[in-house]
Amino acid sequence: MHHSRDALALHRIRDTIAGIVMDVLMPQLGETVAEGKITQWFKSAGDTVNPGDNLFEIETDKVSMEVPSTTAGTLAEIRVPAGEIAPVGAVVAVIADGAGAAANAASASAPAAPPRPPPPRPASSAAPATPASAAAPVKLDPFFEVRTPARNFGPARLPGGTSVTPLARRLAAEAGIDLGRISPSGPHGRIVARDVEAAAGQAVSMMAPRPPVAPAAGAEQIKSLYRDVPFEELPLDGMRRTIAARLIQAKQTIPHFYLTADVEIGRLLALREEANAAAPEGADGKPAFRLSVNDLVIKAWAAALQRVPAANAVWAEDRILQFKHSDIGVAVAIEGGLITPVIRRAETKTLSAISEEMKELAARARARKLKPNEYQGGSSAISNLGMYGVREFSAIINPPQATILAVGAARRQAVETENGGVAFASVMSVTLSCDHRVVDGALGAELLAAFKGFVERPVTALV
């Protein structure tokens, strides 16, 4: 039987005394995902399973998805019940053929029977399904769980291409040392443990005595401040934890600066109204598309990044990556947080194509059905709070990106005309957040001016 690469990642076949069984593994949804939560099972132990049947639904900090079976048989065992979290690679269920399922059922219905002596095995016997204590070494068996480390110390290769040994990654993480600032001395330009130890020694010797810093208040200390006030405790889910970690990283490591401009959008609104009025009818009698202001903002921002290519870039620790195309992430509010699906090559797409793709991505984002490649990457981003009446705000850059455009609400404002008179115009305030490591003040101003020009003369963004 032929299996796809993803199927092989989800299932593992093994031959036992009872017959052929297939372990169902917790899949990995994205390079940084280390665990997943099973939200529901669509099958129960003992149910018949066919290829393509959905077995369970998993949820990570970004998305949720249904995991199908790639084989036929009987769901002999569920090892991770709904509501529980399992590391990537762990066995969450077992699918058996007829013989294996019968053996499992027989063993379950006759618990009082004397245990059958196990077949002879090597000294490294099977590890239990539950994680062992950290004090004792875990003996792994190839027929049981693929164990995931309790902590991820970062990738084995830095963005610049430098390799890092596992021990060096662990030492750097524990000491809080930036691997991008270390000169490698190992074979083939690899960072090894002695490089990290040398960097740690230099950091200690360079540190001047500092006054003691009061530790941050813990949860119990904070709760004690409100002991006489009714409140409800809400546990953090994976998404909220990820958002907190990413925003702390962004504010602590990215040197932000902000540029704000008022943009007249009268022509843009007129173009939108004319385009929507001219939209052809679909098979259902409804307009084939309906453009939003945000669709035109995406197009204008993509064109601005093409006009100022030096700003269409991201920070990669020891270098800057400059992109040919404008891949625009658009922040979408979902229950419990937000996510930023990416419109790829936005500068090459028509307004109707951007509108349709944005609607489809936003709907799947709210259902947590996005694939990792649909929200990872991107050369810049847009966050629009105008629909909530927010006049202006400053958005936090999503690393490794170097820019994000915050879009406020449109308003009517008195402006001076060319002949010195006064007229009312539709105006929108936008604020550009820049990473000063990539975008200097003059470059950021040039980018914002290009965007302003495309919005105030929207036809120029379409040619």
Protein backbone atom coordinates (compact mmCIF):
# COMPACT_ATOMS: atom_id res chain seq x y z
CA MET A 1 0.00 0.00 0.00
CA HIS A 2 1.29 3.44 -0.91
CA HIS A 3 1.24 6.11 1.80
CA SER A 4 1.94 9.80 1.43
CA ARG A 5 4.76 11.45 3.36
CA ASP A 6 2.22 12.93 5.82
CA ALA A 7 0.60 9.54 6.30
CA LEU A 8 3.93 7.97 7.18
CA ALA A 9 4.42 10.71 9.73
CA LEU A 10 1.09 9.85 11.40
CA HIS A 11 1.21 6.06 11.42
CA ARG A 12 3.76 3.32 12.06
CA ILE A 13 3.24 -0.35 11.24
CA ARG A 14 4.55 -3.13 13.46
CA ASP A 15 4.08 -6.89 13.50
CA THR A 16 3.11 -8.47 16.82
CA ILE A 17 2.18 -11.93 18.03
CA ALA A 18 -1.48 -10.94 17.83
CA GLY A 19 -1.17 -9.70 14.24
CA ILE A 20 -0.27 -6.57 12.36
CA VAL A 21 -1.06 -3.35 14.20
CA MET A 22 -0.51 0.29 13.31
CA ASP A 23 0.44 2.93 15.86
CA VAL A 24 -1.26 6.28 15.30
CA LEU A 25 1.22 9.06 16.16
CA MET A 26 0.70 12.66 17.21
CA PRO A 27 1.58 14.62 14.03
CA GLN A 28 3.73 17.75 13.93
CA LEU A 29 1.98 20.84 12.57
CA GLY A 30 4.84 23.24 11.95
CA GLU A 31 8.53 23.26 12.80
CA THR A 32 8.06 24.92 16.20
CA VAL A 33 5.14 22.77 17.38
CA ALA A 34 6.21 20.27 20.05
CA GLU A 35 2.85 19.00 21.31
CA GLY A 36 -0.86 18.90 20.49
CA LYS A 37 -4.12 18.61 22.39
CA ILE A 38 -6.73 16.06 21.34
CA THR A 39 -10.04 17.91 21.49
CA GLN A 40 -12.31 15.02 20.43
CA TRP A 41 -12.32 11.46 19.16
CA PHE A 42 -14.58 10.59 16.22
CA LYS A 43 -14.12 6.85 16.83
CA SER A 44 -14.31 4.72 19.95
CA ALA A 45 -12.22 1.70 20.90
CA GLY A 46 -13.60 -1.31 19.03
CA ASP A 47 -14.97 0.70 16.08
CA THR A 48 -14.17 -0.34 12.53
CA VAL A 49 -11.87 2.08 10.72
CA ASN A 50 -11.52 2.59 6.96
CA PRO A 51 -8.93 4.64 5.06
CA GLY A 52 -9.95 8.29 5.09
CA ASP A 53 -12.11 8.04 8.24
CA ASN A 54 -11.38 10.86 10.67
CA LEU A 55 -9.99 9.46 13.90
CA PHE A 56 -9.58 12.52 16.11
CA GLU A 57 -9.21 16.30 16.11
CA ILE A 58 -6.09 17.99 17.46
CA GLU A 59 -5.46 21.59 18.44
CA THR A 60 -2.14 23.41 18.69
CA ASP A 61 -1.37 27.01 19.60
CA LYS A 62 -2.24 28.06 16.03
CA VAL A 63 -4.61 25.66 14.30
CA SER A 64 -6.85 22.64 14.73
CA MET A 65 -7.20 19.80 12.26
CA GLU A 66 -8.80 16.39 11.84
CA VAL A 67 -6.45 13.42 11.57
CA PRO A 68 -7.64 10.64 9.23
CA SER A 69 -6.72 6.99 9.14
CA THR A 70 -4.66 5.65 6.24
CA THR A 71 -5.44 2.00 6.83
CA ALA A 72 -8.36 -0.32 7.48
CA GLY A 73 -8.84 -2.25 10.68
CA THR A 74 -10.26 -1.88 14.16
CA LEU A 75 -9.43 0.90 16.61
CA ALA A 76 -8.04 -1.44 19.23
CA GLU A 77 -6.86 1.13 21.79
CA ILE A 78 -7.04 4.85 22.57
CA ARG A 79 -4.03 5.88 24.63
CA VAL A 80 -4.58 9.64 24.83
CA PRO A 81 -8.19 10.59 25.66
CA ALA A 82 -9.94 13.78 24.57
CA GLY A 83 -8.78 16.84 26.48
CA GLU A 84 -5.25 15.50 27.03
CA ILE A 85 -1.99 16.85 25.55
CA ALA A 86 0.62 14.60 23.95
CA PRO A 87 4.08 15.37 22.53
CA VAL A 88 4.74 15.11 18.81
CA GLY A 89 5.53 11.51 17.88
CA ALA A 90 3.71 9.94 20.84
CA VAL A 91 1.40 6.97 20.17
CA VAL A 92 -2.16 8.21 20.70
CA ALA A 93 -4.01 5.13 19.43
CA VAL A 94 -3.53 1.65 17.95
CA ILE A 95 -5.29 0.24 14.88
CA ALA A 96 -5.22 -3.54 14.56
CA ASP A 97 -6.25 -6.02 11.88
CA GLY A 98 -8.89 -8.61 12.68
CA ALA A 99 -6.58 -10.93 14.61
CA GLY A 100 -4.97 -8.13 16.58
CA ALA A 101 -8.33 -6.57 17.45
CA ALA A 102 -9.72 -9.93 18.62
CA ALA A 103 -6.70 -10.48 20.81
CA ASN A 104 -7.07 -7.05 22.36
CA ALA A 105 -10.78 -7.59 22.96
CA ALA A 106 -10.15 -10.96 24.55
CA SER A 107 -7.53 -9.59 26.87
CA ALA A 108 -9.84 -6.73 27.87
CA SER A 109 -12.81 -9.03 28.62
CA ALA A 110 -10.78 -11.50 30.72
CA PRO A 111 -8.70 -9.51 33.16
CA ALA A 112 -8.60 -12.33 35.71
CA ALA A 113 -6.80 -14.73 33.40
CA PRO A 114 -3.19 -15.40 34.29
CA PRO A 115 -0.82 -13.21 32.32
CA ARG A 116 0.71 -14.78 29.25
CA PRO A 117 4.48 -14.97 29.52
CA PRO A 118 6.04 -12.41 27.19
CA PRO A 119 8.34 -13.57 24.39
CA PRO A 120 12.04 -13.22 25.01
CA ARG A 121 13.29 -9.66 24.37
CA PRO A 122 16.62 -7.90 24.53
CA ALA A 123 17.72 -6.31 27.79
CA SER A 124 16.22 -2.96 26.74
CA SER A 125 12.58 -3.79 27.49
CA ALA A 126 9.66 -1.66 26.36
CA ALA A 127 9.25 1.70 27.98
CA PRO A 128 5.90 2.38 29.67
CA ALA A 129 3.37 4.61 27.89
CA THR A 130 3.61 7.26 30.57
CA PRO A 131 6.78 9.39 30.78
CA ALA A 132 9.36 8.07 33.20
CA SER A 133 10.84 10.06 36.04
CA ALA A 134 13.66 12.37 35.06
CA ALA A 135 15.87 10.73 37.69
CA ALA A 136 15.93 7.37 35.89
CA PRO A 137 17.12 6.81 32.31
CA VAL A 138 14.33 5.89 29.90
CA LYS A 139 14.81 2.68 27.97
CA LEU A 140 13.21 3.07 24.55
CA ASP A 141 11.64 0.33 22.53
CA PRO A 142 11.23 0.79 18.76
CA PHE A 143 7.64 -0.48 19.02
CA PHE A 144 6.53 2.22 21.46
CA GLU A 145 6.50 6.00 21.68
CA VAL A 146 8.85 8.29 19.81
CA ARG A 147 9.76 10.44 22.79
CA THR A 148 9.99 14.19 22.41
CA PRO A 149 12.32 16.17 24.69
CA ALA A 150 10.49 18.08 27.40
CA ARG A 151 12.11 21.30 26.16
CA ASN A 152 13.19 22.50 22.75
CA PHE A 153 16.51 24.37 22.80
CA GLY A 154 16.18 25.78 19.29
CA PRO A 155 17.05 24.72 15.73
CA ALA A 156 20.24 22.89 14.85
CA ARG A 157 21.01 25.44 12.13
CA LEU A 158 20.93 29.21 12.58
CA PRO A 159 19.29 31.46 9.95
CA GLY A 160 22.76 32.34 8.63
CA GLY A 161 23.55 28.67 7.99
CA THR A 162 25.83 28.00 11.00
CA SER A 163 25.32 24.57 12.60
CA VAL A 164 25.07 24.18 16.38
CA THR A 165 25.61 20.98 18.34
CA PRO A 166 22.81 19.82 20.69
CA LEU A 167 24.94 20.38 23.81
CA ALA A 168 25.85 23.88 22.67
CA ARG A 169 22.16 24.70 22.08
CA ARG A 170 21.24 23.52 25.57
CA LEU A 171 24.07 25.42 27.26
CA ALA A 172 23.23 28.61 25.34
CA ALA A 173 19.55 28.36 26.22
CA GLU A 174 20.26 27.79 29.91
CA ALA A 175 22.75 30.69 30.03
CA GLY A 176 20.58 33.04 27.96
CA ILE A 177 23.31 33.50 25.31
CA ASP A 178 22.47 34.58 21.75
CA LEU A 179 24.02 31.96 19.46
CA GLY A 180 24.09 34.47 16.60
CA ARG A 181 26.81 36.43 18.43
CA ILE A 182 29.15 33.45 18.92
CA SER A 183 32.10 32.76 16.62
CA PRO A 184 32.23 29.02 15.82
CA SER A 185 35.43 27.04 16.38
CA GLY A 186 34.23 23.50 15.73
CA PRO A 187 34.77 21.40 12.61
CA HIS A 188 33.12 22.71 9.43
CA GLY A 189 32.32 26.02 11.13
CA ARG A 190 30.09 24.48 13.79
CA ILE A 191 29.34 26.07 17.17
CA VAL A 192 30.34 23.63 19.90
CA ALA A 193 30.01 23.59 23.68
CA ARG A 194 33.37 25.26 24.33
CA ASP A 195 32.30 28.26 22.23
CA VAL A 196 29.25 28.75 24.43
CA GLU A 197 31.25 28.26 27.61
CA ALA A 198 33.79 30.86 26.45
CA ALA A 199 31.00 33.32 25.63
CA ALA A 200 29.43 32.69 29.03
CA GLY A 201 32.76 33.37 30.76
CA GLN A 202 33.17 36.65 28.89
CA ALA A 203 29.65 37.70 29.81
CA VAL A 204 30.30 37.03 33.49
CA SER A 205 33.60 38.93 33.48
CA MET A 206 32.04 41.93 31.75
CA MET A 207 29.09 42.21 34.09
CA ALA A 208 29.36 45.08 36.53
CA PRO A 209 27.82 44.74 39.99
CA ARG A 210 24.16 45.61 39.85
CA PRO A 211 21.65 46.35 42.58
CA PRO A 212 19.44 43.39 43.35
CA VAL A 213 16.26 43.28 41.31
CA ALA A 214 13.05 42.36 43.04
CA PRO A 215 11.63 39.14 41.62
CA ALA A 216 8.43 39.39 39.62
CA ALA A 217 5.29 38.76 41.61
CA GLY A 218 4.02 35.21 41.32
CA ALA A 219 0.44 34.13 40.67
CA GLU A 220 -0.29 33.62 44.38
CA GLN A 221 1.08 37.06 45.27
CA ILE A 222 -1.07 38.69 42.60
CA LYS A 223 -4.14 36.75 43.70
CA SER A 224 -3.59 37.88 47.27
CA LEU A 225 -4.00 41.49 46.16
CA TYR A 226 -7.55 40.67 45.08
CA ARG A 227 -8.53 38.27 47.85
CA ASP A 228 -11.54 40.43 48.79
CA VAL A 229 -12.66 40.92 45.17
CA PRO A 230 -14.70 38.30 43.27
CA PHE A 231 -12.83 37.00 40.23
CA GLU A 232 -12.60 33.97 37.97
CA GLU A 233 -9.35 32.21 37.07
CA LEU A 234 -8.93 31.44 33.36
CA PRO A 235 -6.13 28.98 32.57
CA LEU A 236 -3.86 29.91 29.65
CA ASP A 237 -4.26 27.86 26.50
CA GLY A 238 -1.48 27.20 24.01
CA MET A 239 -2.37 30.16 21.79
CA ARG A 240 -2.34 32.69 24.64
CA ARG A 241 0.99 31.34 25.92
CA THR A 242 2.50 31.63 22.43
CA ILE A 243 1.20 35.17 21.97
CA ALA A 244 2.65 36.20 25.33
CA ALA A 245 6.05 34.68 24.54
CA ARG A 246 6.20 36.19 21.03
CA LEU A 247 5.22 39.68 22.18
CA ILE A 248 7.77 39.65 25.00
CA GLN A 249 10.40 38.56 22.48
CA ALA A 250 9.36 41.32 20.08
CA LYS A 251 9.39 44.15 22.62
CA GLN A 252 12.61 43.01 24.29
CA THR A 253 14.68 42.29 21.16
CA ILE A 254 13.34 44.57 18.40
CA PRO A 255 14.28 48.28 18.50
CA HIS A 256 10.89 49.67 17.44
CA PHE A 257 10.28 53.15 16.10
CA TYR A 258 7.02 54.54 14.74
CA LEU A 259 5.96 56.79 11.85
CA THR A 260 2.39 58.14 11.52
CA ALA A 261 0.72 59.78 8.53
CA ASP A 262 -2.79 60.94 7.57
CA VAL A 263 -3.92 59.62 4.19
CA GLU A 264 -6.83 60.93 2.13
CA ILE A 265 -8.91 57.98 0.94
CA GLY A 266 -11.63 59.70 -1.10
CA ARG A 267 -10.40 58.29 -4.41
CA LEU A 268 -9.86 54.86 -2.90
CA LEU A 269 -13.46 54.79 -1.60
CA ALA A 270 -14.73 55.92 -5.00
CA LEU A 271 -12.73 53.17 -6.75
CA ARG A 272 -14.11 50.57 -4.33
CA GLU A 273 -17.68 51.73 -4.87
CA GLU A 274 -17.30 51.73 -8.65
CA ALA A 275 -15.67 48.28 -8.70
CA ASN A 276 -18.37 46.75 -6.49
CA ALA A 277 -21.10 48.29 -8.65
CA ALA A 278 -19.53 46.77 -11.76
CA ALA A 279 -19.04 43.28 -10.25
CA PRO A 280 -20.65 40.61 -12.47
CA GLU A 281 -23.31 38.32 -11.05
CA GLY A 282 -22.38 34.80 -10.11
CA ALA A 283 -24.41 31.64 -10.70
CA ASP A 284 -26.38 32.33 -7.51
CA GLY A 285 -27.36 35.80 -8.68
CA LYS A 286 -25.11 37.53 -6.16
CA PRO A 287 -22.11 39.77 -7.07
CA ALA A 288 -19.02 37.73 -7.92
CA PHE A 289 -16.96 39.82 -5.47
CA ARG A 290 -17.32 42.64 -2.99
CA LEU A 291 -14.16 44.60 -2.21
CA SER A 292 -13.44 45.96 1.25
CA VAL A 293 -11.22 48.89 2.16
CA ASN A 294 -8.78 46.38 3.64
CA ASP A 295 -8.44 44.64 0.27
CA LEU A 296 -7.31 47.90 -1.33
CA VAL A 297 -4.97 48.61 1.61
CA ILE A 298 -3.32 45.20 1.09
CA LYS A 299 -2.81 45.95 -2.59
CA ALA A 300 -1.40 49.44 -1.90
CA TRP A 301 0.96 48.10 0.81
CA ALA A 302 2.22 45.36 -1.53
CA ALA A 303 2.87 47.99 -4.22
CA ALA A 304 4.69 50.25 -1.72
CA LEU A 305 7.03 47.41 -0.72
CA GLN A 306 7.82 46.90 -4.42
CA ARG A 307 8.48 50.62 -4.83
CA VAL A 308 10.88 50.57 -1.81
CA PRO A 309 12.46 47.09 -2.04
CA ALA A 310 15.04 47.77 0.69
CA ALA A 311 12.16 47.77 3.20
CA ASN A 312 10.71 44.50 1.88
CA ALA A 313 13.04 42.58 4.17
CA VAL A 314 13.36 40.72 7.46
CA TRP A 315 16.05 40.43 10.15
CA ALA A 316 17.97 37.12 10.10
CA GLU A 317 20.33 37.64 13.07
CA ASP A 318 23.62 37.92 11.16
CA ARG A 319 22.15 39.21 7.88
CA ILE A 320 19.10 40.81 6.25
CA LEU A 321 16.87 38.86 3.86
CA GLN A 322 15.41 41.04 1.09
CA PHE A 323 12.49 39.62 -0.88
CA LYS A 324 11.43 39.86 -4.50
CA HIS A 325 7.69 39.53 -3.83
CA SER A 326 5.37 41.19 -1.33
CA ASP A 327 4.00 38.47 0.99
CA ILE A 328 1.58 40.36 3.24
CA GLY A 329 0.40 38.96 6.57
CA VAL A 330 -3.00 40.26 7.68
CA ALA A 331 -3.92 40.05 11.38
CA VAL A 332 -7.22 38.23 11.95
CA ALA A 333 -8.91 38.23 15.36
CA ILE A 334 -10.09 34.79 16.45
CA GLU A 335 -11.52 33.43 19.67
CA GLY A 336 -8.82 33.55 22.31
CA GLY A 337 -6.23 35.50 20.31
CA LEU A 338 -5.19 36.33 16.76
CA ILE A 339 -3.38 34.83 13.81
CA THR A 340 -1.80 36.33 10.69
CA PRO A 341 -2.52 34.46 7.45
CA VAL A 342 -0.29 35.51 4.55
CA ILE A 343 -1.35 36.71 1.08
CA ARG A 344 1.55 35.50 -1.10
CA ARG A 345 2.77 37.64 -4.01
CA ALA A 346 0.08 40.21 -3.30
CA GLU A 347 1.56 42.67 -5.79
CA THR A 348 0.77 40.27 -8.67
CA LYS A 349 -2.87 39.60 -7.74
CA THR A 350 -6.01 41.44 -8.76
CA LEU A 351 -8.19 43.13 -6.14
CA SER A 352 -10.92 40.53 -6.61
CA ALA A 353 -8.39 37.70 -6.12
CA ILE A 354 -7.02 39.32 -2.94
CA SER A 355 -10.57 39.82 -1.64
CA GLU A 356 -11.59 36.21 -2.29
CA GLU A 357 -8.38 34.77 -0.81
CA MET A 358 -8.60 37.00 2.27
CA LYS A 359 -12.20 35.95 2.96
CA GLU A 360 -11.29 32.27 2.61
CA LEU A 361 -8.19 32.53 4.81
CA ALA A 362 -10.02 34.53 7.49
CA ALA A 363 -12.86 31.99 7.65
CA ARG A 364 -10.46 29.08 8.05
CA ALA A 365 -8.38 31.06 10.56
CA ARG A 366 -11.44 31.56 12.77
CA ALA A 367 -12.15 27.83 12.50
CA ARG A 368 -8.45 27.13 13.29
CA LYS A 369 -8.08 25.20 10.04
CA LEU A 370 -5.07 27.03 8.58
CA LYS A 371 -2.02 25.05 7.51
CA PRO A 372 1.37 26.20 8.87
CA ASN A 373 2.54 27.40 5.45
CA GLU A 374 -0.50 29.70 5.31
CA TYR A 375 0.44 31.75 8.39
CA GLN A 376 4.23 31.39 8.61
CA GLY A 377 6.68 33.71 6.89
CA GLY A 378 5.64 36.93 5.18
CA SER A 379 7.75 40.00 4.46
CA SER A 380 5.47 42.51 6.25
CA ALA A 381 2.08 42.67 7.94
CA ILE A 382 -1.05 44.78 8.31
CA SER A 383 -3.20 45.20 11.43
CA ASN A 384 -6.50 47.02 10.86
CA LEU A 385 -8.63 48.14 13.82
CA GLY A 386 -10.55 50.73 11.83
CA MET A 387 -13.73 48.66 11.93
CA TYR A 388 -13.75 49.14 15.72
CA GLY A 389 -13.58 52.92 15.45
CA VAL A 390 -9.94 53.11 16.57
CA ARG A 391 -8.43 56.31 15.15
CA GLU A 392 -4.78 55.28 15.35
CA PHE A 393 -2.52 52.83 17.20
CA SER A 394 0.97 51.33 17.09
CA ALA A 395 1.27 47.63 16.30
CA ILE A 396 4.00 45.30 17.60
CA ILE A 397 6.27 43.80 14.94
CA ASN A 398 5.99 40.05 14.48
CA PRO A 399 9.60 38.73 14.32
CA PRO A 400 11.47 38.11 12.09
CA GLN A 401 9.52 40.68 10.06
CA ALA A 402 10.81 44.26 10.18
CA THR A 403 7.63 46.26 9.51
CA ILE A 404 3.92 46.24 10.32
CA LEU A 405 1.32 48.80 9.25
CA ALA A 406 -1.41 49.76 11.76
CA VAL A 407 -4.54 51.06 10.02
CA GLY A 408 -7.08 53.25 11.82
CA ALA A 409 -10.68 54.22 11.07
CA ALA A 410 -11.69 56.58 8.29
CA ARG A 411 -13.08 59.95 9.35
CA ARG A 412 -14.28 63.18 7.82
CA GLN A 413 -11.82 66.01 8.44
CA ALA A 414 -11.47 69.62 7.35
CA VAL A 415 -8.49 70.14 5.03
CA GLU A 416 -7.05 73.10 3.17
CA THR A 417 -7.62 73.11 -0.58
CA GLU A 418 -5.11 74.17 -3.21
CA ASN A 419 -6.67 77.63 -3.56
CA GLY A 420 -6.52 78.27 0.20
CA GLY A 421 -10.10 77.32 0.96
CA VAL A 422 -11.42 74.67 3.36
CA ALA A 423 -13.11 71.42 2.40
CA PHE A 424 -13.99 68.16 4.08
CA ALA A 425 -12.15 64.99 3.08
CA SER A 426 -12.17 61.33 4.09
CA VAL A 427 -8.94 60.76 6.02
CA MET A 428 -7.37 57.65 7.54
CA SER A 429 -4.43 57.58 9.99
CA VAL A 430 -1.81 54.86 9.56
CA THR A 431 1.21 54.10 11.75
CA LEU A 432 4.23 52.19 10.51
CA SER A 433 6.22 50.24 13.11
CA CYS A 434 9.82 49.61 11.99
CA ASP A 435 12.70 47.46 13.20
CA HIS A 436 15.60 49.93 13.26
CA ARG A 437 18.07 47.11 12.57
CA VAL A 438 16.57 46.75 9.08
CA VAL A 439 14.72 49.98 8.33
CA ASP A 440 16.22 53.37 9.17
CA GLY A 441 14.08 56.47 9.69
CA ALA A 442 14.50 57.84 6.17
CA LEU A 443 13.77 54.44 4.59
CA GLY A 444 10.66 54.01 6.73
CA ALA A 445 9.49 57.51 5.75
CA GLU A 446 10.04 56.67 2.06
CA LEU A 447 7.99 53.48 2.43
CA LEU A 448 5.13 55.29 4.18
CA ALA A 449 5.16 58.04 1.53
CA ALA A 450 4.95 55.41 -1.23
CA PHE A 451 1.93 53.83 0.48
CA LYS A 452 0.29 57.24 0.91
CA GLY A 453 0.79 57.93 -2.79
CA PHE A 454 -0.78 54.63 -3.87
CA VAL A 455 -3.80 55.13 -1.56
CA GLU A 456 -4.43 58.72 -2.63
CA ARG A 457 -4.01 57.75 -6.31
CA PRO A 458 -5.16 54.11 -6.20
CA VAL A 459 -5.07 53.58 -9.97
CA THR A 460 -1.26 53.76 -9.82
CA ALA A 461 -1.21 50.61 -7.65
CA LEU A 462 -3.07 48.68 -10.33
CA VAL A 463 -0.76 49.39 -13.29
